[in-house]
């Protein structure tokens, strides 16, 4: 095609591309052989797709060999045949009809003045307008929300937070690109700006929703008295925040036509190296999560871990703090707690009374029976003693005493109450032993000496 007909078709092609071609130039392949979009046609490539009344029209270029000048890419014959019909459908508003002539004709750094005006004044004005709307509407929404919940708190409800304002701004940019007669490069610039703003606003909005979800979950757990899961909530929030930010960066890099596969591969290798370097830390963190999730121990429990006895004051992700009986604070790594023997003393439903009473060898069988009966009777008559567990038996002949085993379970609120009950019962057992006519034994031994005047003499001595 030559002459005026070719010039007219070229102008129509330029107008259709400027007005109708989607602004996705960053997705075009930079390789000389193209993107190989059509596997069966390696010499053709897709530039974009234009929606029309007759359906979607592919804008296709074809590689043509020009001999000595080499191969170049030209628009295909099918694309050129569809251009006249697409040109007739171009009915967008021209910027000349919207802005004054001096704003469209005069340029600074090859950029028309109206674009500078939009960047420096229009977009900030729209953003400030959304902020004004938020200030006007938020008090009403805040009042309605507090009335709906039947309680008030210090946090204010925002109808249009900053991420929502940015999304509104991107909607305005997309409307401008779609309805104004802008060049393809201009639309590409604004589309790129809108895409970056959309990615940033979505990431920001997800982070805000994640923080709100953490606060809401923490309040519910605190009302239910589950304090240990609060630290897990913070870890989950930080992890989700990190994943969201990383995902947003990957989406942005992919939009800018960077190869994200290399970044993912590097992340995998780096993650393995970090995991090996922080093996102990990860062990403690995982141990803390398992302790909190299984609710093995809770804040306020009195327990024994290894050689440490005390009350749990705080359960963290890395370590657990215990207030010992000496009032010192011991920090134990969670990995050690998950692998060590743990005895929860505050979880006892009853306490074990198990003294071994040592009576003198001078105790007669009658006195022993009376002492056993008296001790058994005082335990059975006490409502704080579990009746089915009471056992009082003459156990053995010791080296310096007659040993009586007392076995019973005591119902008490805590260990302090048990000590008071045990003290009272032990004193009453002493009364029962004295009432039987015998006494408690002391560690002693008897020495027998034979002589001409006597056969044996007993010399008690204390060992």
Protein backbone atom coordinates (compact mmCIF):
# COMPACT_ATOMS: atom_id res chain seq x y z
CA UNK A 1 0.00 0.00 0.00
CA UNK A 2 1.38 3.38 -1.00
CA UNK A 3 0.38 7.05 -1.13
CA UNK A 4 -2.49 8.80 0.62
CA UNK A 5 -4.26 5.55 1.36
CA UNK A 6 -1.26 4.28 3.30
CA UNK A 7 -0.92 7.60 5.15
CA UNK A 8 -4.59 7.51 6.17
CA UNK A 9 -4.32 3.94 7.40
CA UNK A 10 -1.16 4.81 9.35
CA UNK A 11 -2.94 7.74 11.01
CA UNK A 12 -5.90 5.52 11.86
CA UNK A 13 -3.54 2.88 13.27
CA UNK A 14 -1.77 5.51 15.39
CA UNK A 15 -5.09 6.87 16.66
CA UNK A 16 -6.44 3.40 17.51
CA UNK A 17 -3.24 2.44 19.34
CA UNK A 18 -3.16 5.72 21.24
CA UNK A 19 -6.81 5.57 22.25
CA UNK A 20 -7.75 1.90 22.45
CA UNK A 21 -4.68 -0.26 22.99
CA UNK A 22 -4.37 -1.34 26.65
CA UNK A 23 -1.45 0.34 28.36
CA UNK A 24 0.63 -2.77 28.93
CA UNK A 25 3.84 -1.92 27.15
CA UNK A 26 5.87 -3.27 30.04
CA UNK A 27 4.57 -6.74 29.18
CA UNK A 28 6.03 -6.68 25.67
CA UNK A 29 8.95 -9.04 25.19
CA UNK A 30 12.36 -7.34 24.94
CA UNK A 31 13.83 -10.29 23.03
CA UNK A 32 14.45 -10.04 19.30
CA UNK A 33 12.52 -13.26 18.65
CA UNK A 34 9.49 -12.05 20.60
CA UNK A 35 7.56 -13.77 23.35
CA UNK A 36 6.59 -16.80 21.21
CA UNK A 37 2.95 -16.19 22.17
CA UNK A 38 1.76 -18.34 19.24
CA UNK A 39 3.70 -21.64 19.43
CA UNK A 40 2.64 -22.66 15.92
CA UNK A 41 3.62 -19.26 14.49
CA UNK A 42 7.07 -18.36 15.82
CA UNK A 43 7.31 -15.33 13.52
CA UNK A 44 4.25 -13.60 15.02
CA UNK A 45 3.70 -11.96 18.39
CA UNK A 46 0.80 -10.37 20.27
CA UNK A 47 0.97 -6.69 21.18
CA UNK A 48 -2.43 -6.44 22.84
CA UNK A 49 -6.15 -7.01 22.49
CA UNK A 50 -8.72 -4.28 21.79
CA UNK A 51 -12.36 -4.79 22.72
CA UNK A 52 -14.83 -3.69 20.03
CA UNK A 53 -18.49 -4.04 19.12
CA UNK A 54 -17.64 -6.99 16.88
CA UNK A 55 -15.59 -8.75 19.54
CA UNK A 56 -12.00 -8.77 20.67
CA UNK A 57 -9.40 -7.83 18.08
CA UNK A 58 -5.81 -8.99 18.51
CA UNK A 59 -3.11 -6.51 17.57
CA UNK A 60 -0.50 -8.79 16.04
CA UNK A 61 2.96 -8.03 14.63
CA UNK A 62 4.80 -10.26 12.20
CA UNK A 63 8.53 -10.66 11.67
CA UNK A 64 9.47 -9.91 8.05
CA UNK A 65 12.86 -10.49 6.50
CA UNK A 66 14.10 -7.38 4.62
CA UNK A 67 17.17 -8.96 3.15
CA UNK A 68 20.29 -6.91 3.85
CA UNK A 69 18.56 -4.80 6.50
CA UNK A 70 17.59 -7.94 8.39
CA UNK A 71 14.28 -8.98 9.94
CA UNK A 72 11.92 -6.37 11.40
CA UNK A 73 8.52 -6.51 13.06
CA UNK A 74 5.54 -5.12 11.12
CA UNK A 75 1.83 -5.08 11.87
CA UNK A 76 0.14 -8.09 10.33
CA UNK A 77 -2.31 -7.87 7.46
CA UNK A 78 -5.22 -9.10 9.63
CA UNK A 79 -4.56 -6.31 12.14
CA UNK A 80 -4.45 -3.65 9.44
CA UNK A 81 -7.71 -4.92 7.96
CA UNK A 82 -9.45 -4.41 11.34
CA UNK A 83 -8.12 -0.89 11.92
CA UNK A 84 -10.76 1.09 9.89
CA UNK A 85 -13.62 -0.49 11.83
CA UNK A 86 -11.87 0.14 15.16
CA UNK A 87 -11.19 3.75 14.15
CA UNK A 88 -14.90 4.40 13.64
CA UNK A 89 -15.60 3.29 17.22
CA UNK A 90 -13.13 5.74 18.73
CA UNK A 91 -15.39 8.20 20.53
CA UNK A 92 -13.38 9.22 23.57
CA UNK A 93 -13.35 12.72 24.95
CA UNK A 94 -10.41 14.66 23.58
CA UNK A 95 -8.22 16.52 26.01
CA UNK A 96 -8.48 19.56 23.74
CA UNK A 97 -12.14 19.76 24.66
CA UNK A 98 -11.41 19.45 28.38
CA UNK A 99 -8.33 21.61 28.97
CA UNK A 100 -7.39 24.99 27.52
CA UNK A 101 -5.21 25.02 24.42
CA UNK A 102 -2.11 26.36 26.15
CA UNK A 103 -2.19 23.42 28.59
CA UNK A 104 -2.23 20.86 25.76
CA UNK A 105 0.16 22.53 23.31
CA UNK A 106 2.86 23.86 25.64
CA UNK A 107 5.22 21.25 27.04
CA UNK A 108 7.93 21.01 29.70
CA UNK A 109 10.48 18.23 29.15
CA UNK A 110 8.27 16.92 26.32
CA UNK A 111 5.38 16.53 28.79
CA UNK A 112 2.22 18.67 28.22
CA UNK A 113 1.35 21.22 30.88
CA UNK A 114 -1.98 19.56 31.72
CA UNK A 115 -0.13 16.40 32.80
CA UNK A 116 2.10 18.43 35.11
CA UNK A 117 -1.06 20.07 36.42
CA UNK A 118 -2.63 16.69 37.11
CA UNK A 119 0.47 15.41 38.89
CA UNK A 120 1.23 18.50 40.98
CA UNK A 121 -2.28 19.79 41.71
CA UNK A 122 -5.03 17.43 40.59
CA UNK A 123 -3.98 14.26 42.39
CA UNK A 124 -3.14 15.98 45.72
CA UNK A 125 -6.46 17.84 45.52
CA UNK A 126 -8.40 14.60 45.05
CA UNK A 127 -6.50 12.99 47.94
CA UNK A 128 -7.23 15.94 50.22
CA UNK A 129 -10.88 15.82 49.16
CA UNK A 130 -11.14 12.17 50.24
CA UNK A 131 -9.56 13.14 53.57
CA UNK A 132 -12.17 15.88 54.01
CA UNK A 133 -14.95 13.36 53.30
CA UNK A 134 -13.43 11.04 55.91
CA UNK A 135 -13.44 13.80 58.52
CA UNK A 136 -17.06 14.68 57.81
CA UNK A 137 -18.50 11.15 57.65
CA UNK A 138 -16.33 9.34 60.24
CA UNK A 139 -17.94 10.95 63.35
CA UNK A 140 -21.39 9.76 62.21
CA UNK A 141 -20.11 6.28 61.46
CA UNK A 142 -18.25 6.25 64.79
CA UNK A 143 -21.42 7.13 66.72
CA UNK A 144 -23.45 4.53 64.85
CA UNK A 145 -20.81 1.81 65.42
CA UNK A 146 -20.57 2.46 69.18
CA UNK A 147 -24.36 2.50 69.48
CA UNK A 148 -24.55 -0.82 67.63
CA UNK A 149 -21.99 -2.39 69.99
CA UNK A 150 -23.57 -0.80 73.10
CA UNK A 151 -20.20 0.35 74.32
CA UNK A 152 -17.64 3.00 73.54
CA UNK A 153 -13.88 2.75 73.21
CA UNK A 154 -11.07 5.16 72.56
CA UNK A 155 -10.43 4.13 68.96
CA UNK A 156 -12.17 6.11 66.27
CA UNK A 157 -13.79 4.53 63.24
CA UNK A 158 -12.47 5.83 59.90
CA UNK A 159 -14.67 5.48 56.82
CA UNK A 160 -11.83 6.30 54.42
CA UNK A 161 -8.41 5.46 55.87
CA UNK A 162 -5.32 6.26 53.87
CA UNK A 163 -5.26 2.99 51.85
CA UNK A 164 -8.90 3.51 50.83
CA UNK A 165 -8.07 7.08 49.74
CA UNK A 166 -5.26 5.76 47.58
CA UNK A 167 -7.62 3.23 46.00
CA UNK A 168 -10.11 6.01 45.26
CA UNK A 169 -7.28 7.95 43.65
CA UNK A 170 -6.38 4.98 41.45
CA UNK A 171 -10.03 4.73 40.36
CA UNK A 172 -9.89 8.36 39.27
CA UNK A 173 -6.67 7.68 37.35
CA UNK A 174 -8.21 4.68 35.59
CA UNK A 175 -11.25 6.77 34.67
CA UNK A 176 -8.99 9.47 33.28
CA UNK A 177 -7.00 6.97 31.23
CA UNK A 178 -10.16 5.36 29.89
CA UNK A 179 -12.10 8.52 29.03
CA UNK A 180 -9.51 11.08 27.93
CA UNK A 181 -7.76 11.19 24.59
CA UNK A 182 -4.29 10.54 25.93
CA UNK A 183 -1.36 9.12 24.06
CA UNK A 184 -0.33 5.55 24.60
CA UNK A 185 2.85 6.52 26.45
CA UNK A 186 0.88 8.87 28.69
CA UNK A 187 -1.67 6.17 29.45
CA UNK A 188 1.19 3.76 30.11
CA UNK A 189 2.70 6.18 32.63
CA UNK A 190 -0.57 6.75 34.48
CA UNK A 191 -1.47 3.06 34.38
CA UNK A 192 1.91 2.23 35.91
CA UNK A 193 1.39 4.86 38.61
CA UNK A 194 -2.11 3.52 39.33
CA UNK A 195 -0.85 -0.08 39.48
CA UNK A 196 1.95 0.76 41.92
CA UNK A 197 -0.49 2.75 44.07
CA UNK A 198 -3.00 -0.11 43.98
CA UNK A 199 -0.40 -2.66 45.09
CA UNK A 200 0.81 -0.39 47.89
CA UNK A 201 -2.75 0.44 49.01
CA UNK A 202 -3.83 -3.22 49.02
CA UNK A 203 -0.77 -4.26 51.04
CA UNK A 204 -1.35 -1.39 53.45
CA UNK A 205 -5.04 -2.26 53.81
CA UNK A 206 -4.29 -5.94 54.49
CA UNK A 207 -1.76 -4.92 57.16
CA UNK A 208 -4.39 -2.72 58.82
CA UNK A 209 -6.98 -5.51 58.72
CA UNK A 210 -4.40 -7.92 60.15
CA UNK A 211 -3.69 -5.54 63.04
CA UNK A 212 -7.42 -5.10 63.67
CA UNK A 213 -7.88 -8.89 63.67
CA UNK A 214 -5.08 -9.29 66.20
CA UNK A 215 -6.58 -6.69 68.55
CA UNK A 216 -10.05 -8.23 68.23
CA UNK A 217 -8.74 -11.75 68.90
CA UNK A 218 -6.63 -10.55 71.84
CA UNK A 219 -9.63 -8.91 73.51
CA UNK A 220 -11.68 -12.09 73.14
CA UNK A 221 -8.86 -14.25 74.54
CA UNK A 222 -8.37 -11.90 77.48
CA UNK A 223 -12.08 -12.08 78.29
CA UNK A 224 -11.85 -15.87 78.21
CA UNK A 225 -8.75 -15.81 80.42
CA UNK A 226 -6.43 -17.34 77.80
CA UNK A 227 -3.35 -15.15 78.19
CA UNK A 228 -0.78 -17.48 76.68
CA UNK A 229 -2.14 -17.28 73.13
CA UNK A 230 -1.54 -13.51 73.00
CA UNK A 231 2.14 -13.98 72.18
CA UNK A 232 1.22 -16.46 69.42
CA UNK A 233 -1.16 -13.86 67.98
CA UNK A 234 1.69 -11.36 67.75
CA UNK A 235 3.89 -13.94 66.00
CA UNK A 236 1.09 -14.82 63.57
CA UNK A 237 0.50 -11.14 62.84
CA UNK A 238 4.18 -10.46 62.17
CA UNK A 239 4.42 -13.53 59.96
CA UNK A 240 1.35 -12.55 57.95
CA UNK A 241 2.64 -8.98 57.65
CA UNK A 242 5.96 -10.24 56.33
CA UNK A 243 4.28 -12.56 53.82
CA UNK A 244 1.94 -9.81 52.62
CA UNK A 245 4.78 -7.33 52.15
CA UNK A 246 6.88 -9.94 50.38
CA UNK A 247 3.94 -10.89 48.15
CA UNK A 248 3.36 -7.23 47.29
CA UNK A 249 7.03 -6.82 46.34
CA UNK A 250 6.86 -9.93 44.14
CA UNK A 251 3.72 -8.65 42.39
CA UNK A 252 5.38 -5.28 41.80
CA UNK A 253 8.55 -6.88 40.43
CA UNK A 254 6.47 -9.13 38.18
CA UNK A 255 4.56 -6.08 36.88
CA UNK A 256 7.86 -4.35 36.15
CA UNK A 257 8.86 -7.42 34.11
CA UNK A 258 11.53 -8.68 36.52
CA UNK A 259 12.20 -12.39 36.87
CA UNK A 260 10.76 -13.33 40.27
CA UNK A 261 11.82 -16.97 39.99
CA UNK A 262 15.39 -16.02 40.82
CA UNK A 263 14.17 -14.06 43.85
CA UNK A 264 12.14 -17.05 45.08
CA UNK A 265 15.10 -19.39 44.58
CA UNK A 266 17.37 -17.00 46.49
CA UNK A 267 14.78 -16.74 49.24
CA UNK A 268 14.71 -20.51 49.58
CA UNK A 269 18.49 -20.78 49.88
CA UNK A 270 18.60 -17.83 52.29
CA UNK A 271 15.79 -19.34 54.37
CA UNK A 272 17.73 -22.60 54.73
CA UNK A 273 20.86 -20.71 55.80
CA UNK A 274 18.90 -18.65 58.34
CA UNK A 275 17.19 -21.76 59.69
CA UNK A 276 20.54 -23.49 60.20
CA UNK A 277 22.05 -20.42 61.88
CA UNK A 278 19.05 -19.86 64.16
CA UNK A 279 18.38 -23.51 64.96
CA UNK A 280 18.25 -23.03 68.73
CA UNK A 281 16.08 -19.93 68.45
CA UNK A 282 13.65 -21.71 66.17
CA UNK A 283 13.62 -24.68 68.55
CA UNK A 284 12.65 -22.39 71.42
CA UNK A 285 10.02 -20.58 69.34
CA UNK A 286 8.44 -23.84 68.18
CA UNK A 287 8.59 -25.13 71.75
CA UNK A 288 6.84 -21.97 72.96
CA UNK A 289 4.12 -22.36 70.34
CA UNK A 290 3.55 -25.98 71.35
CA UNK A 291 3.42 -25.07 75.06
CA UNK A 292 0.91 -22.29 74.46
CA UNK A 293 -1.18 -24.24 71.95
CA UNK A 294 -1.37 -27.39 74.11
CA UNK A 295 -1.89 -25.25 77.25
CA UNK A 296 0.53 -27.47 79.17
CA UNK A 297 1.15 -24.64 81.62
CA UNK A 298 -0.51 -21.30 82.23
CA UNK A 299 0.43 -18.04 83.84
CA UNK A 300 0.02 -18.39 87.62
CA UNK A 301 0.66 -22.14 87.75
CA UNK A 302 2.94 -23.43 90.51
CA UNK A 303 5.20 -26.11 89.06
CA UNK A 304 8.52 -27.85 89.11
CA UNK A 305 10.74 -27.93 86.02
CA UNK A 306 13.92 -29.92 86.54
CA UNK A 307 15.37 -28.42 89.71
CA UNK A 308 13.38 -25.18 89.54
CA UNK A 309 10.22 -24.73 91.62
CA UNK A 310 8.11 -21.59 91.32
CA UNK A 311 5.17 -19.74 89.81
CA UNK A 312 4.95 -18.91 86.10
CA UNK A 313 4.84 -15.15 85.52
CA UNK A 314 5.11 -14.95 81.73
CA UNK A 315 5.10 -17.38 78.80
CA UNK A 316 6.96 -15.92 75.85
CA UNK A 317 7.79 -17.28 72.43
CA UNK A 318 11.45 -17.91 73.28
CA UNK A 319 11.44 -18.45 77.05
CA UNK A 320 9.24 -18.76 80.12
CA UNK A 321 9.81 -16.67 83.26
CA UNK A 322 9.33 -18.35 86.65
CA UNK A 323 9.24 -16.66 90.07
CA UNK A 324 10.98 -19.05 92.44
CA UNK A 325 10.34 -19.52 96.16
CA UNK A 326 13.41 -17.35 96.82
CA UNK A 327 11.55 -14.57 94.86
CA UNK A 328 14.13 -14.59 92.09
CA UNK A 329 13.09 -14.77 88.41
CA UNK A 330 14.41 -17.67 86.34
CA UNK A 331 14.12 -17.60 82.54
CA UNK A 332 14.00 -21.09 81.02
CA UNK A 333 14.12 -21.63 77.20
CA UNK A 334 10.93 -23.13 75.88
CA UNK A 335 12.85 -25.83 74.03
CA UNK A 336 14.17 -27.09 77.39
CA UNK A 337 10.68 -27.01 78.93
CA UNK A 338 9.20 -29.02 76.06
CA UNK A 339 11.90 -31.69 76.45
CA UNK A 340 12.27 -31.70 80.25
CA UNK A 341 10.13 -33.35 82.93
CA UNK A 342 7.47 -30.92 84.11
CA UNK A 343 5.42 -31.35 87.28
CA UNK A 344 2.44 -29.03 87.64
CA UNK A 345 1.93 -28.74 91.39
CA UNK A 346 -1.00 -26.34 91.12
CA UNK A 347 -2.93 -28.83 89.00
CA UNK A 348 -3.42 -31.26 91.90
CA UNK A 349 -7.03 -31.98 92.74
CA UNK A 350 -6.03 -33.31 96.19
CA UNK A 351 -2.92 -33.55 98.34
CA UNK A 352 -1.14 -36.65 99.60
CA UNK A 353 -0.73 -37.04 103.35
CA UNK A 354 1.96 -39.67 103.85
CA UNK A 355 3.92 -39.41 107.10
CA UNK A 356 5.77 -42.39 108.58
CA UNK A 357 5.44 -42.32 112.38
CA UNK A 358 8.24 -43.87 114.43
CA UNK A 359 7.16 -45.30 117.83
CA UNK A 360 9.46 -46.47 120.62
CA UNK A 361 10.42 -50.14 120.83
CA UNK A 362 8.98 -50.17 124.36
CA UNK A 363 5.49 -49.84 122.76
CA UNK A 364 3.42 -52.93 123.56
CA UNK A 365 1.09 -54.62 121.09
CA UNK A 366 -1.95 -53.28 122.95
CA UNK A 367 -0.58 -49.78 122.84
CA UNK A 368 0.17 -50.17 119.12
CA UNK A 369 -3.40 -51.32 118.44
CA UNK A 370 -4.77 -48.37 120.42
CA UNK A 371 -2.53 -45.90 118.56
CA UNK A 372 -3.51 -47.34 115.15
CA UNK A 373 -7.20 -47.22 116.02
CA UNK A 374 -6.96 -43.64 117.34
CA UNK A 375 -5.13 -42.35 114.25
CA UNK A 376 -7.52 -44.16 111.91
CA UNK A 377 -10.54 -42.80 113.74
CA UNK A 378 -9.40 -39.17 113.67
CA UNK A 379 -8.78 -39.40 109.90
CA UNK A 380 -12.15 -40.99 109.18
CA UNK A 381 -13.95 -38.39 111.30
CA UNK A 382 -12.40 -35.47 109.41
CA UNK A 383 -14.51 -34.28 106.42
CA UNK A 384 -11.45 -32.89 104.67
CA UNK A 385 -9.92 -36.36 104.36
CA UNK A 386 -11.00 -38.60 101.47
CA UNK A 387 -12.54 -41.55 103.30
CA UNK A 388 -11.76 -44.21 100.73
CA UNK A 389 -8.06 -43.39 100.72
CA UNK A 390 -7.41 -43.70 104.48
CA UNK A 391 -4.84 -46.36 105.37
CA UNK A 392 -3.04 -46.65 108.74
CA UNK A 393 -0.78 -49.70 109.07
CA UNK A 394 1.99 -50.99 111.29
CA UNK A 395 4.60 -51.07 108.55
CA UNK A 396 7.86 -52.55 109.84
CA UNK A 397 10.37 -52.99 112.64
CA UNK A 398 12.88 -50.24 112.02
CA UNK A 399 16.45 -50.07 113.20
CA UNK A 400 15.48 -47.92 116.18
CA UNK A 401 11.67 -47.65 116.04
CA UNK A 402 8.38 -49.28 115.18
CA UNK A 403 7.27 -47.64 111.90
CA UNK A 404 3.60 -46.80 111.25
CA UNK A 405 2.57 -45.69 107.75
CA UNK A 406 -0.25 -43.14 107.37
CA UNK A 407 -1.77 -42.81 103.91
CA UNK A 408 -4.63 -40.44 102.96
CA UNK A 409 -5.65 -37.78 100.45
CA UNK A 410 -6.61 -34.31 101.68
CA UNK A 411 -9.03 -31.98 99.86
CA UNK A 412 -7.55 -28.47 99.96
CA UNK A 413 -7.71 -25.34 97.87
CA UNK A 414 -3.95 -24.93 97.49
CA UNK A 415 -0.68 -26.07 98.97
CA UNK A 416 -0.83 -23.51 101.78
CA UNK A 417 -4.22 -24.83 102.94
CA UNK A 418 -2.88 -28.38 102.78
CA UNK A 419 0.06 -27.48 105.03
CA UNK A 420 -2.34 -26.04 107.61
CA UNK A 421 -4.55 -29.15 107.52
CA UNK A 422 -1.51 -31.44 107.69
CA UNK A 423 -0.18 -29.56 110.72
CA UNK A 424 -3.47 -29.99 112.55
CA UNK A 425 -3.70 -33.69 111.73
CA UNK A 426 -0.11 -34.37 112.80
CA UNK A 427 -0.72 -32.69 116.16
CA UNK A 428 -3.84 -34.78 116.67
CA UNK A 429 -1.86 -37.92 115.77
CA UNK A 430 0.61 -37.01 118.52
CA UNK A 431 -2.32 -36.74 120.93
CA UNK A 432 -3.60 -40.17 119.84
CA UNK A 433 -0.17 -41.73 120.35
CA UNK A 434 0.18 -40.23 123.81
CA UNK A 435 -3.36 -41.32 124.67
CA UNK A 436 -2.37 -44.91 123.75
CA UNK A 437 0.39 -44.76 126.37
CA UNK A 438 3.42 -44.62 124.12
CA UNK A 439 5.73 -42.01 122.64
CA UNK A 440 7.59 -41.12 119.46
CA UNK A 441 10.99 -42.77 119.13
CA UNK A 442 14.39 -41.14 118.86
CA UNK A 443 17.18 -42.61 116.74
CA UNK A 444 19.02 -44.71 119.38
CA UNK A 445 20.87 -47.95 119.95
CA UNK A 446 21.27 -50.30 122.92
CA UNK A 447 24.65 -51.66 124.09
CA UNK A 448 24.81 -54.85 126.23
CA UNK A 449 27.92 -55.43 128.35
CA UNK A 450 28.53 -58.78 130.15
CA UNK A 451 30.60 -58.88 133.35
CA UNK A 452 31.19 -61.03 136.41
CA UNK A 453 28.63 -59.15 138.50
CA UNK A 454 25.92 -58.79 135.92
CA UNK A 455 24.96 -60.54 132.73
CA UNK A 456 23.98 -57.47 130.75
CA UNK A 457 23.53 -53.77 131.15
CA UNK A 458 21.72 -51.50 128.79
CA UNK A 459 23.17 -48.12 128.00
CA UNK A 460 20.95 -46.11 125.70
CA UNK A 461 22.78 -43.56 123.66
CA UNK A 462 21.79 -41.15 120.97
CA UNK A 463 23.16 -41.73 117.52
